[in-house]
Amino acid sequence: MRYTRLGRTGLEISAIALGCMSFGEPERGSHPWSLPESASRPILKHALESGITFFDTANVYSNGSSEEIVGRALAEFANRDEVVIATKVHGRMRPGPNGAGLSRKAIFAEIDASLTRLGTDYVDLYQIHRWDATVPIEETLEALHDVVRAGKARYLGASSMFAWQFSKALHLQRANGWARFVSMQDHYNLLNREEEREMHPLCADEGVGVIPWSPLARGRLTRDPDVATDRSATDEFGKSLYGRYPGDAHIVEAVASVAESRGVTRAQVALAWVSRSPVVSAPIVGAHTIAHLDDAVDSLDLELSVEDVARLEAAYEPHAVAGF
């Protein structure tokens, strides 16, 4: 395993983050493809044995079940001081007023609920899952600052927004002396490169670490375009992200071609391409099997040639942002 810093912070993280949306009792949420605790624990244990120390979840994943499973596994298999636990706030956790969003009331309630489910006194990285246009951003940022001051989070992160929104938030944090966002969790892979236009240059300038979600395009970069999985058949959000551009199929073909020529898997090629970006601290990889994890770790040893990169990028078509 290779270790790096999250942006310009002193926080050391594994260069692969394990995305924990895959873990959660299926009956608890809207993900029928999620793994129950009995199937999740061996994968979490193997991740730790492979040197992965960075675990990313969210309160909304399987309605809190993901946090519970991850918290119990890490408490049993890991030293708390050696792992980095990240979670998120924004999605609806209960019906009625204040059951979602980024108000001061919602943030204070949800950080405590997440800590209880995770079984820890603090999270290393507390992230806003999306931008909340219904709440003044100053209210959100001051509340997050107070969460850090209370010792309930070590660092703050953001996810999936326009660059102008992120720039505004960073400016307000600096102007008011509030704890700043140190990471951006954005939608970035070979099928969605729009973040290269504005978000990534902003993050590079501000010293913000990028931790992309869906670096394998929800598995589409690892299989032929006409092959479906249990997840792809029921993942309505995923269906909204891909499949609208003819170039996508050519990119998938290029991944397969490079993988064959290099004698590695498609997943390793697609992840190596994401990791090669100097602004990326660690891609967030979901795993349903131990083999998925091994592919992710092995991708760190794959150095793509200039010719490989050119082949992978040639068919990309600029398009509208997707994912927020």
C-alpha atoms as a PDB file:
ATOM      1  CA  MET A   1       0.000   0.000   0.000  1.00  0.00           C
ATOM      2  CA  ARG A   2       1.110   3.536  -0.713  1.00  0.00           C
ATOM      3  CA  TYR A   3       0.289   6.354   1.700  1.00  0.00           C
ATOM      4  CA  THR A   4      -0.125  10.020   0.944  1.00  0.00           C
ATOM      5  CA  ARG A   5      -1.421  13.250   2.454  1.00  0.00           C
ATOM      6  CA  LEU A   6      -4.958  14.511   2.046  1.00  0.00           C
ATOM      7  CA  GLY A   7      -4.337  17.663   0.048  1.00  0.00           C
ATOM      8  CA  ARG A   8      -2.007  20.023   1.920  1.00  0.00           C
ATOM      9  CA  THR A   9      -3.000  18.688   5.337  1.00  0.00           C
ATOM     10  CA  GLY A  10      -0.809  16.576   7.549  1.00  0.00           C
ATOM     11  CA  LEU A  11      -3.386  13.763   7.510  1.00  0.00           C
ATOM     12  CA  GLU A  12      -1.901  10.529   6.174  1.00  0.00           C
ATOM     13  CA  ILE A  13      -4.274   8.333   4.189  1.00  0.00           C
ATOM     14  CA  SER A  14      -3.981   5.192   2.126  1.00  0.00           C
ATOM     15  CA  ALA A  15      -3.879   5.991  -1.589  1.00  0.00           C
ATOM     16  CA  ILE A  16      -7.035   3.892  -1.977  1.00  0.00           C
ATOM     17  CA  ALA A  17     -10.118   4.716   0.067  1.00  0.00           C
ATOM     18  CA  LEU A  18     -12.724   2.037   0.653  1.00  0.00           C
ATOM     19  CA  GLY A  19     -16.186   3.334  -0.195  1.00  0.00           C
ATOM     20  CA  CYS A  20     -18.689   1.834   2.214  1.00  0.00           C
ATOM     21  CA  MET A  21     -21.975   2.358   0.393  1.00  0.00           C
ATOM     22  CA  SER A  22     -21.734  -1.339  -0.517  1.00  0.00           C
ATOM     23  CA  PHE A  23     -22.123  -2.282   3.152  1.00  0.00           C
ATOM     24  CA  GLY A  24     -25.563  -2.116   4.750  1.00  0.00           C
ATOM     25  CA  GLU A  25     -28.504  -4.320   5.596  1.00  0.00           C
ATOM     26  CA  PRO A  26     -30.531  -4.352   2.332  1.00  0.00           C
ATOM     27  CA  GLU A  27     -33.878  -3.992   4.099  1.00  0.00           C
ATOM     28  CA  ARG A  28     -32.690  -0.812   5.838  1.00  0.00           C
ATOM     29  CA  GLY A  29     -32.446   1.364   2.735  1.00  0.00           C
ATOM     30  CA  SER A  30     -32.921   1.776  -0.994  1.00  0.00           C
ATOM     31  CA  HIS A  31     -29.940  -0.349  -2.043  1.00  0.00           C
ATOM     32  CA  PRO A  32     -31.084  -3.958  -2.504  1.00  0.00           C
ATOM     33  CA  TRP A  33     -27.576  -4.789  -3.720  1.00  0.00           C
ATOM     34  CA  SER A  34     -25.839  -3.754  -0.485  1.00  0.00           C
ATOM     35  CA  LEU A  35     -24.078  -6.422   1.563  1.00  0.00           C
ATOM     36  CA  PRO A  36     -25.354  -7.429   5.018  1.00  0.00           C
ATOM     37  CA  GLU A  37     -22.956  -7.381   7.945  1.00  0.00           C
ATOM     38  CA  SER A  38     -21.990 -11.048   7.618  1.00  0.00           C
ATOM     39  CA  ALA A  39     -20.770 -10.463   4.054  1.00  0.00           C
ATOM     40  CA  SER A  40     -19.295  -7.008   4.725  1.00  0.00           C
ATOM     41  CA  ARG A  41     -16.983  -7.906   7.599  1.00  0.00           C
ATOM     42  CA  PRO A  42     -14.580 -10.159   5.615  1.00  0.00           C
ATOM     43  CA  ILE A  43     -14.131  -7.400   3.030  1.00  0.00           C
ATOM     44  CA  LEU A  44     -13.479  -4.755   5.685  1.00  0.00           C
ATOM     45  CA  LYS A  45     -11.005  -7.068   7.422  1.00  0.00           C
ATOM     46  CA  HIS A  46      -9.198  -7.786   4.150  1.00  0.00           C
ATOM     47  CA  ALA A  47      -9.028  -4.062   3.406  1.00  0.00           C
ATOM     48  CA  LEU A  48      -7.194  -3.480   6.667  1.00  0.00           C
ATOM     49  CA  GLU A  49      -4.887  -6.427   6.042  1.00  0.00           C
ATOM     50  CA  SER A  50      -4.118  -4.928   2.607  1.00  0.00           C
ATOM     51  CA  GLY A  51      -3.045  -1.655   4.189  1.00  0.00           C
ATOM     52  CA  ILE A  52      -6.168   0.383   3.471  1.00  0.00           C
ATOM     53  CA  THR A  53      -6.702   2.844   6.319  1.00  0.00           C
ATOM     54  CA  PHE A  54      -9.211   5.270   4.752  1.00  0.00           C
ATOM     55  CA  PHE A  55     -12.920   4.378   5.018  1.00  0.00           C
ATOM     56  CA  ASP A  56     -15.672   6.558   3.565  1.00  0.00           C
ATOM     57  CA  THR A  57     -19.334   6.177   4.476  1.00  0.00           C
ATOM     58  CA  ALA A  58     -22.396   8.425   4.973  1.00  0.00           C
ATOM     59  CA  ASN A  59     -25.301   8.699   7.358  1.00  0.00           C
ATOM     60  CA  VAL A  60     -27.767   8.067   4.548  1.00  0.00           C
ATOM     61  CA  TYR A  61     -26.180   4.812   3.304  1.00  0.00           C
ATOM     62  CA  SER A  62     -28.726   2.097   4.101  1.00  0.00           C
ATOM     63  CA  ASN A  63     -30.296   4.548   6.555  1.00  0.00           C
ATOM     64  CA  GLY A  64     -27.371   4.397   8.957  1.00  0.00           C
ATOM     65  CA  SER A  65     -26.705   0.672   8.644  1.00  0.00           C
ATOM     66  CA  SER A  66     -23.429   1.248   6.768  1.00  0.00           C
ATOM     67  CA  GLU A  67     -22.054   3.364   9.610  1.00  0.00           C
ATOM     68  CA  GLU A  68     -23.054   0.701  12.138  1.00  0.00           C
ATOM     69  CA  ILE A  69     -21.379  -2.124  10.207  1.00  0.00           C
ATOM     70  CA  VAL A  70     -18.223  -0.136   9.511  1.00  0.00           C
ATOM     71  CA  GLY A  71     -17.999   1.088  13.100  1.00  0.00           C
ATOM     72  CA  ARG A  72     -18.279  -2.376  14.604  1.00  0.00           C
ATOM     73  CA  ALA A  73     -15.768  -3.889  12.173  1.00  0.00           C
ATOM     74  CA  LEU A  74     -13.155  -1.178  12.678  1.00  0.00           C
ATOM     75  CA  ALA A  75     -13.560  -1.332  16.444  1.00  0.00           C
ATOM     76  CA  GLU A  76     -12.776  -5.053  16.337  1.00  0.00           C
ATOM     77  CA  PHE A  77     -10.164  -5.230  13.590  1.00  0.00           C
ATOM     78  CA  ALA A  78      -8.293  -1.902  13.777  1.00  0.00           C
ATOM     79  CA  ASN A  79      -6.534   0.552  16.049  1.00  0.00           C
ATOM     80  CA  ARG A  80      -8.694   3.700  15.998  1.00  0.00           C
ATOM     81  CA  ASP A  81      -5.667   5.996  15.840  1.00  0.00           C
ATOM     82  CA  GLU A  82      -4.420   4.254  12.686  1.00  0.00           C
ATOM     83  CA  VAL A  83      -7.582   4.502  10.577  1.00  0.00           C
ATOM     84  CA  VAL A  84      -9.256   7.481   8.944  1.00  0.00           C
ATOM     85  CA  ILE A  85     -13.049   7.420   9.149  1.00  0.00           C
ATOM     86  CA  ALA A  86     -15.022   9.736   6.897  1.00  0.00           C
ATOM     87  CA  THR A  87     -18.775  10.203   6.851  1.00  0.00           C
ATOM     88  CA  LYS A  88     -21.242  12.661   5.335  1.00  0.00           C
ATOM     89  CA  VAL A  89     -24.321  14.722   6.140  1.00  0.00           C
ATOM     90  CA  HIS A  90     -27.118  16.084   3.965  1.00  0.00           C
ATOM     91  CA  GLY A  91     -29.499  13.295   2.918  1.00  0.00           C
ATOM     92  CA  ARG A  92     -32.861  12.650   4.520  1.00  0.00           C
ATOM     93  CA  MET A  93     -32.633  10.488   7.632  1.00  0.00           C
ATOM     94  CA  ARG A  94     -36.202  10.839   8.911  1.00  0.00           C
ATOM     95  CA  PRO A  95     -39.501  12.371   7.760  1.00  0.00           C
ATOM     96  CA  GLY A  96     -40.633  15.787   8.827  1.00  0.00           C
ATOM     97  CA  PRO A  97     -38.877  19.100   9.504  1.00  0.00           C
ATOM     98  CA  ASN A  98     -35.105  19.117  10.018  1.00  0.00           C
ATOM     99  CA  GLY A  99     -34.744  15.501   8.984  1.00  0.00           C
ATOM    100  CA  ALA A 100     -32.336  16.382   6.178  1.00  0.00           C
ATOM    101  CA  GLY A 101     -30.157  19.178   4.850  1.00  0.00           C
ATOM    102  CA  LEU A 102     -27.401  21.377   6.189  1.00  0.00           C
ATOM    103  CA  SER A 103     -29.051  23.613   8.761  1.00  0.00           C
ATOM    104  CA  ARG A 104     -27.307  24.108  12.091  1.00  0.00           C
ATOM    105  CA  LYS A 105     -29.954  21.980  13.782  1.00  0.00           C
ATOM    106  CA  ALA A 106     -29.627  19.146  11.264  1.00  0.00           C
ATOM    107  CA  ILE A 107     -25.821  19.129  11.356  1.00  0.00           C
ATOM    108  CA  PHE A 108     -25.665  19.038  15.147  1.00  0.00           C
ATOM    109  CA  ALA A 109     -28.214  16.210  15.309  1.00  0.00           C
ATOM    110  CA  GLU A 110     -26.602  14.169  12.539  1.00  0.00           C
ATOM    111  CA  ILE A 111     -23.007  14.358  13.749  1.00  0.00           C
ATOM    112  CA  ASP A 112     -24.094  12.935  17.106  1.00  0.00           C
ATOM    113  CA  ALA A 113     -26.170  10.224  15.434  1.00  0.00           C
ATOM    114  CA  SER A 114     -23.262   9.269  13.154  1.00  0.00           C
ATOM    115  CA  LEU A 115     -20.829   9.090  16.062  1.00  0.00           C
ATOM    116  CA  THR A 116     -23.232   6.814  17.940  1.00  0.00           C
ATOM    117  CA  ARG A 117     -23.619   4.475  14.966  1.00  0.00           C
ATOM    118  CA  LEU A 118     -19.877   4.446  14.268  1.00  0.00           C
ATOM    119  CA  GLY A 119     -19.083   3.857  17.946  1.00  0.00           C
ATOM    120  CA  THR A 120     -16.427   6.566  18.076  1.00  0.00           C
ATOM    121  CA  ASP A 121     -15.940   9.934  19.752  1.00  0.00           C
ATOM    122  CA  TYR A 122     -14.928  11.678  16.536  1.00  0.00           C
ATOM    123  CA  VAL A 123     -14.717  11.276  12.784  1.00  0.00           C
ATOM    124  CA  ASP A 124     -11.558  12.194  10.958  1.00  0.00           C
ATOM    125  CA  LEU A 125     -13.347  13.755   7.982  1.00  0.00           C
ATOM    126  CA  TYR A 126     -16.884  15.185   8.119  1.00  0.00           C
ATOM    127  CA  GLN A 127     -18.256  16.011   4.681  1.00  0.00           C
ATOM    128  CA  ILE A 128     -21.284  17.789   3.316  1.00  0.00           C
ATOM    129  CA  HIS A 129     -22.790  15.312   0.867  1.00  0.00           C
ATOM    130  CA  ARG A 130     -24.207  17.980  -1.441  1.00  0.00           C
ATOM    131  CA  TRP A 131     -24.809  21.751  -1.550  1.00  0.00           C
ATOM    132  CA  ASP A 132     -27.994  22.825   0.256  1.00  0.00           C
ATOM    133  CA  ALA A 133     -29.538  25.801  -1.535  1.00  0.00           C
ATOM    134  CA  THR A 134     -32.278  26.099   1.109  1.00  0.00           C
ATOM    135  CA  VAL A 135     -29.860  27.076   3.895  1.00  0.00           C
ATOM    136  CA  PRO A 136     -27.536  30.109   3.987  1.00  0.00           C
ATOM    137  CA  ILE A 137     -24.071  28.770   3.362  1.00  0.00           C
ATOM    138  CA  GLU A 138     -22.768  30.892   6.273  1.00  0.00           C
ATOM    139  CA  GLU A 139     -25.040  28.963   8.655  1.00  0.00           C
ATOM    140  CA  THR A 140     -23.730  25.644   7.365  1.00  0.00           C
ATOM    141  CA  LEU A 141     -20.085  26.668   7.508  1.00  0.00           C
ATOM    142  CA  GLU A 142     -20.266  28.093  11.032  1.00  0.00           C
ATOM    143  CA  ALA A 143     -22.039  24.958  12.267  1.00  0.00           C
ATOM    144  CA  LEU A 144     -19.335  22.770  10.711  1.00  0.00           C
ATOM    145  CA  HIS A 145     -16.669  24.933  12.329  1.00  0.00           C
ATOM    146  CA  ASP A 146     -18.349  24.401  15.692  1.00  0.00           C
ATOM    147  CA  VAL A 147     -18.395  20.634  15.108  1.00  0.00           C
ATOM    148  CA  VAL A 148     -14.612  20.770  14.677  1.00  0.00           C
ATOM    149  CA  ARG A 149     -14.185  23.039  17.704  1.00  0.00           C
ATOM    150  CA  ALA A 150     -16.207  20.567  19.771  1.00  0.00           C
ATOM    151  CA  GLY A 151     -13.743  17.818  18.865  1.00  0.00           C
ATOM    152  CA  LYS A 152     -16.326  15.764  16.985  1.00  0.00           C
ATOM    153  CA  ALA A 153     -14.493  16.045  13.641  1.00  0.00           C
ATOM    154  CA  ARG A 154     -10.832  16.539  12.828  1.00  0.00           C
ATOM    155  CA  TYR A 155     -11.233  17.832   9.260  1.00  0.00           C
ATOM    156  CA  LEU A 156     -14.025  19.007   6.951  1.00  0.00           C
ATOM    157  CA  GLY A 157     -14.768  17.983   3.374  1.00  0.00           C
ATOM    158  CA  ALA A 158     -17.249  18.776   0.624  1.00  0.00           C
ATOM    159  CA  SER A 159     -18.733  16.830  -2.256  1.00  0.00           C
ATOM    160  CA  SER A 160     -20.243  17.330  -5.716  1.00  0.00           C
ATOM    161  CA  MET A 161     -20.957  20.988  -6.331  1.00  0.00           C
ATOM    162  CA  PHE A 162     -20.119  23.673  -8.851  1.00  0.00           C
ATOM    163  CA  ALA A 163     -16.661  25.214  -8.594  1.00  0.00           C
ATOM    164  CA  TRP A 164     -18.145  28.668  -7.948  1.00  0.00           C
ATOM    165  CA  GLN A 165     -20.001  27.276  -4.939  1.00  0.00           C
ATOM    166  CA  PHE A 166     -16.887  25.634  -3.548  1.00  0.00           C
ATOM    167  CA  SER A 167     -14.855  28.793  -4.138  1.00  0.00           C
ATOM    168  CA  LYS A 168     -17.459  30.850  -2.278  1.00  0.00           C
ATOM    169  CA  ALA A 169     -17.434  28.444   0.664  1.00  0.00           C
ATOM    170  CA  LEU A 170     -13.623  28.460   0.874  1.00  0.00           C
ATOM    171  CA  HIS A 171     -13.592  32.273   0.747  1.00  0.00           C
ATOM    172  CA  LEU A 172     -16.139  32.566   3.562  1.00  0.00           C
ATOM    173  CA  GLN A 173     -14.239  30.067   5.698  1.00  0.00           C
ATOM    174  CA  ARG A 174     -11.020  32.012   5.258  1.00  0.00           C
ATOM    175  CA  ALA A 175     -12.665  35.397   5.845  1.00  0.00           C
ATOM    176  CA  ASN A 176     -14.348  34.275   9.067  1.00  0.00           C
ATOM    177  CA  GLY A 177     -11.537  32.152  10.459  1.00  0.00           C
ATOM    178  CA  TRP A 178     -13.669  29.022  10.251  1.00  0.00           C
ATOM    179  CA  ALA A 179     -12.284  25.511   9.784  1.00  0.00           C
ATOM    180  CA  ARG A 180     -11.814  25.007   6.055  1.00  0.00           C
ATOM    181  CA  PHE A 181     -12.738  22.236   3.668  1.00  0.00           C
ATOM    182  CA  VAL A 182      -9.639  20.150   3.011  1.00  0.00           C
ATOM    183  CA  SER A 183     -11.138  17.683   0.531  1.00  0.00           C
ATOM    184  CA  MET A 184     -13.485  17.522  -2.429  1.00  0.00           C
ATOM    185  CA  GLN A 185     -15.300  14.258  -3.116  1.00  0.00           C
ATOM    186  CA  ASP A 186     -16.382  14.631  -6.726  1.00  0.00           C
ATOM    187  CA  HIS A 187     -17.640  12.522  -9.609  1.00  0.00           C
ATOM    188  CA  TYR A 188     -14.566  11.764 -11.697  1.00  0.00           C
ATOM    189  CA  ASN A 189     -13.665   8.901 -14.019  1.00  0.00           C
ATOM    190  CA  LEU A 190     -12.922   8.206 -17.682  1.00  0.00           C
ATOM    191  CA  LEU A 191     -16.618   8.645 -18.556  1.00  0.00           C
ATOM    192  CA  ASN A 192     -16.995  11.915 -16.629  1.00  0.00           C
ATOM    193  CA  ARG A 193     -14.049  14.290 -16.864  1.00  0.00           C
ATOM    194  CA  GLU A 194     -15.894  17.596 -16.520  1.00  0.00           C
ATOM    195  CA  GLU A 195     -14.242  18.235 -13.129  1.00  0.00           C
ATOM    196  CA  GLU A 196     -10.973  18.853 -14.980  1.00  0.00           C
ATOM    197  CA  ARG A 197     -12.317  22.194 -16.267  1.00  0.00           C
ATOM    198  CA  GLU A 198     -12.778  24.217 -13.091  1.00  0.00           C
ATOM    199  CA  MET A 199     -13.037  22.108  -9.937  1.00  0.00           C
ATOM    200  CA  HIS A 200      -9.660  20.409 -10.145  1.00  0.00           C
ATOM    201  CA  PRO A 201      -7.693  23.593 -10.932  1.00  0.00           C
ATOM    202  CA  LEU A 202      -9.443  25.251  -7.972  1.00  0.00           C
ATOM    203  CA  CYS A 203      -8.530  22.346  -5.682  1.00  0.00           C
ATOM    204  CA  ALA A 204      -4.920  22.426  -6.879  1.00  0.00           C
ATOM    205  CA  ASP A 205      -4.690  26.152  -6.174  1.00  0.00           C
ATOM    206  CA  GLU A 206      -6.305  25.845  -2.727  1.00  0.00           C
ATOM    207  CA  GLY A 207      -4.401  22.728  -1.678  1.00  0.00           C
ATOM    208  CA  VAL A 208      -7.598  20.697  -1.431  1.00  0.00           C
ATOM    209  CA  GLY A 209      -7.297  16.922  -1.808  1.00  0.00           C
ATOM    210  CA  VAL A 210      -9.591  15.293  -4.379  1.00  0.00           C
ATOM    211  CA  ILE A 211     -11.105  11.937  -3.424  1.00  0.00           C
ATOM    212  CA  PRO A 212     -13.257  10.953  -6.424  1.00  0.00           C
ATOM    213  CA  TRP A 213     -16.392   8.848  -6.079  1.00  0.00           C
ATOM    214  CA  SER A 214     -17.327   6.289  -8.724  1.00  0.00           C
ATOM    215  CA  PRO A 215     -13.823   6.082 -10.256  1.00  0.00           C
ATOM    216  CA  LEU A 216     -14.969   2.935 -12.101  1.00  0.00           C
ATOM    217  CA  ALA A 217     -18.204   4.565 -13.307  1.00  0.00           C
ATOM    218  CA  ARG A 218     -20.249   2.202 -11.143  1.00  0.00           C
ATOM    219  CA  GLY A 219     -18.478  -0.745 -12.755  1.00  0.00           C
ATOM    220  CA  ARG A 220     -19.184   0.269 -16.327  1.00  0.00           C
ATOM    221  CA  LEU A 221     -15.473   0.614 -17.055  1.00  0.00           C
ATOM    222  CA  THR A 222     -14.852  -2.964 -15.919  1.00  0.00           C
ATOM    223  CA  ARG A 223     -17.248  -4.822 -18.241  1.00  0.00           C
ATOM    224  CA  ASP A 224     -18.611  -4.772 -21.779  1.00  0.00           C
ATOM    225  CA  PRO A 225     -21.393  -2.195 -22.376  1.00  0.00           C
ATOM    226  CA  ASP A 226     -24.089  -4.854 -22.874  1.00  0.00           C
ATOM    227  CA  VAL A 227     -23.341  -6.666 -19.600  1.00  0.00           C
ATOM    228  CA  ALA A 228     -25.611  -5.865 -16.639  1.00  0.00           C
ATOM    229  CA  THR A 229     -25.258  -6.637 -12.947  1.00  0.00           C
ATOM    230  CA  ASP A 230     -27.697  -6.878 -10.049  1.00  0.00           C
ATOM    231  CA  ARG A 231     -26.664  -3.384  -9.008  1.00  0.00           C
ATOM    232  CA  SER A 232     -26.882  -1.784 -12.453  1.00  0.00           C
ATOM    233  CA  ALA A 233     -30.383  -3.187 -12.920  1.00  0.00           C
ATOM    234  CA  THR A 234     -31.703  -1.435  -9.795  1.00  0.00           C
ATOM    235  CA  ASP A 235     -29.384   1.588  -9.485  1.00  0.00           C
ATOM    236  CA  GLU A 236     -31.616   4.407 -10.732  1.00  0.00           C
ATOM    237  CA  PHE A 237     -29.093   7.101  -9.802  1.00  0.00           C
ATOM    238  CA  GLY A 238     -26.400   5.266 -11.728  1.00  0.00           C
ATOM    239  CA  LYS A 239     -28.617   5.087 -14.795  1.00  0.00           C
ATOM    240  CA  SER A 240     -28.855   8.882 -14.773  1.00  0.00           C
ATOM    241  CA  LEU A 241     -25.077   9.278 -14.866  1.00  0.00           C
ATOM    242  CA  TYR A 242     -24.016   7.267 -17.899  1.00  0.00           C
ATOM    243  CA  GLY A 243     -25.083   5.881 -21.241  1.00  0.00           C
ATOM    244  CA  ARG A 244     -26.082   9.154 -22.906  1.00  0.00           C
ATOM    245  CA  TYR A 245     -22.999   9.591 -25.088  1.00  0.00           C
ATOM    246  CA  PRO A 246     -21.843   7.340 -27.962  1.00  0.00           C
ATOM    247  CA  GLY A 247     -18.224   7.876 -26.973  1.00  0.00           C
ATOM    248  CA  ASP A 248     -18.757   6.009 -23.709  1.00  0.00           C
ATOM    249  CA  ALA A 249     -18.719   2.631 -25.448  1.00  0.00           C
ATOM    250  CA  HIS A 250     -15.469   3.498 -27.231  1.00  0.00           C
ATOM    251  CA  ILE A 251     -13.864   4.477 -23.931  1.00  0.00           C
ATOM    252  CA  VAL A 252     -14.895   1.156 -22.387  1.00  0.00           C
ATOM    253  CA  GLU A 253     -13.374  -0.601 -25.388  1.00  0.00           C
ATOM    254  CA  ALA A 254     -10.148   1.367 -24.942  1.00  0.00           C
ATOM    255  CA  VAL A 255      -9.951   0.335 -21.279  1.00  0.00           C
ATOM    256  CA  ALA A 256     -10.347  -3.303 -22.312  1.00  0.00           C
ATOM    257  CA  SER A 257      -7.686  -2.931 -25.000  1.00  0.00           C
ATOM    258  CA  VAL A 258      -5.144  -1.310 -22.681  1.00  0.00           C
ATOM    259  CA  ALA A 259      -5.851  -3.908 -19.994  1.00  0.00           C
ATOM    260  CA  GLU A 260      -5.253  -6.760 -22.425  1.00  0.00           C
ATOM    261  CA  SER A 261      -2.042  -5.252 -23.752  1.00  0.00           C
ATOM    262  CA  ARG A 262      -0.690  -4.675 -20.237  1.00  0.00           C
ATOM    263  CA  GLY A 263      -1.854  -8.019 -18.839  1.00  0.00           C
ATOM    264  CA  VAL A 264      -3.942  -6.480 -16.065  1.00  0.00           C
ATOM    265  CA  THR A 265      -7.636  -6.084 -15.310  1.00  0.00           C
ATOM    266  CA  ARG A 266      -9.832  -3.299 -16.622  1.00  0.00           C
ATOM    267  CA  ALA A 267     -10.420  -2.045 -13.104  1.00  0.00           C
ATOM    268  CA  GLN A 268      -6.689  -1.603 -12.581  1.00  0.00           C
ATOM    269  CA  VAL A 269      -6.411   0.460 -15.760  1.00  0.00           C
ATOM    270  CA  ALA A 270      -9.357   2.715 -14.946  1.00  0.00           C
ATOM    271  CA  LEU A 271      -8.160   3.283 -11.368  1.00  0.00           C
ATOM    272  CA  ALA A 272      -4.560   3.891 -12.424  1.00  0.00           C
ATOM    273  CA  TRP A 273      -5.813   6.599 -14.779  1.00  0.00           C
ATOM    274  CA  VAL A 274      -7.665   8.365 -11.936  1.00  0.00           C
ATOM    275  CA  SER A 275      -4.769   8.034  -9.484  1.00  0.00           C
ATOM    276  CA  ARG A 276      -2.267   9.518 -11.929  1.00  0.00           C
ATOM    277  CA  SER A 277      -3.853  12.963 -11.579  1.00  0.00           C
ATOM    278  CA  PRO A 278      -1.650  15.108  -9.320  1.00  0.00           C
ATOM    279  CA  VAL A 279      -4.707  16.635  -7.627  1.00  0.00           C
ATOM    280  CA  VAL A 280      -6.189  13.239  -6.659  1.00  0.00           C
ATOM    281  CA  SER A 281      -5.277  12.087  -3.151  1.00  0.00           C
ATOM    282  CA  ALA A 282      -7.158   8.779  -3.273  1.00  0.00           C
ATOM    283  CA  PRO A 283      -9.999   7.356  -5.374  1.00  0.00           C
ATOM    284  CA  ILE A 284     -12.906   5.967  -3.370  1.00  0.00           C
ATOM    285  CA  VAL A 285     -13.486   2.377  -4.463  1.00  0.00           C
ATOM    286  CA  GLY A 286     -16.542   0.303  -3.656  1.00  0.00           C
ATOM    287  CA  ALA A 287     -16.091  -3.434  -3.280  1.00  0.00           C
ATOM    288  CA  HIS A 288     -18.489  -6.367  -3.250  1.00  0.00           C
ATOM    289  CA  THR A 289     -15.734  -8.976  -3.240  1.00  0.00           C
ATOM    290  CA  ILE A 290     -12.181  -9.373  -2.009  1.00  0.00           C
ATOM    291  CA  ALA A 291     -11.088  -9.563  -5.654  1.00  0.00           C
ATOM    292  CA  HIS A 292     -12.444  -6.030  -6.165  1.00  0.00           C
ATOM    293  CA  LEU A 293     -10.242  -4.844  -3.300  1.00  0.00           C
ATOM    294  CA  ASP A 294      -7.159  -6.609  -4.631  1.00  0.00           C
ATOM    295  CA  ASP A 295      -7.659  -4.986  -8.036  1.00  0.00           C
ATOM    296  CA  ALA A 296      -7.839  -1.561  -6.397  1.00  0.00           C
ATOM    297  CA  VAL A 297      -4.633  -2.094  -4.412  1.00  0.00           C
ATOM    298  CA  ASP A 298      -2.807  -3.547  -7.425  1.00  0.00           C
ATOM    299  CA  SER A 299      -3.773  -0.508  -9.513  1.00  0.00           C
ATOM    300  CA  LEU A 300      -1.295   1.566  -7.511  1.00  0.00           C
ATOM    301  CA  ASP A 301       1.570  -0.413  -9.078  1.00  0.00           C
ATOM    302  CA  LEU A 302       0.387   0.198 -12.649  1.00  0.00           C
ATOM    303  CA  GLU A 303       2.066   3.094 -14.444  1.00  0.00           C
ATOM    304  CA  LEU A 304       0.265   3.980 -17.652  1.00  0.00           C
ATOM    305  CA  SER A 305       2.340   5.063 -20.626  1.00  0.00           C
ATOM    306  CA  VAL A 306       1.727   8.242 -22.588  1.00  0.00           C
ATOM    307  CA  GLU A 307       0.320   6.059 -25.353  1.00  0.00           C
ATOM    308  CA  ASP A 308      -2.005   4.267 -22.922  1.00  0.00           C
ATOM    309  CA  VAL A 309      -3.381   7.565 -21.638  1.00  0.00           C
ATOM    310  CA  ALA A 310      -3.901   8.923 -25.139  1.00  0.00           C
ATOM    311  CA  ARG A 311      -5.834   5.804 -26.113  1.00  0.00           C
ATOM    312  CA  LEU A 312      -8.014   5.993 -22.985  1.00  0.00           C
ATOM    313  CA  GLU A 313      -8.837   9.674 -23.421  1.00  0.00           C
ATOM    314  CA  ALA A 314      -9.292   9.883 -27.197  1.00  0.00           C
ATOM    315  CA  ALA A 315     -13.042   9.165 -27.410  1.00  0.00           C
ATOM    316  CA  TYR A 316     -14.212  11.412 -24.560  1.00  0.00           C
ATOM    317  CA  GLU A 317     -17.015  13.822 -25.412  1.00  0.00           C
ATOM    318  CA  PRO A 318     -17.512  16.968 -23.298  1.00  0.00           C
ATOM    319  CA  HIS A 319     -20.964  16.953 -21.731  1.00  0.00           C
ATOM    320  CA  ALA A 320     -23.121  18.349 -18.975  1.00  0.00           C
ATOM    321  CA  VAL A 321     -22.017  17.712 -15.401  1.00  0.00           C
ATOM    322  CA  ALA A 322     -23.708  14.763 -13.751  1.00  0.00           C
ATOM    323  CA  GLY A 323     -24.047  13.695 -10.138  1.00  0.00           C
ATOM    324  CA  PHE A 324     -25.345  16.830  -8.418  1.00  0.00           C
END
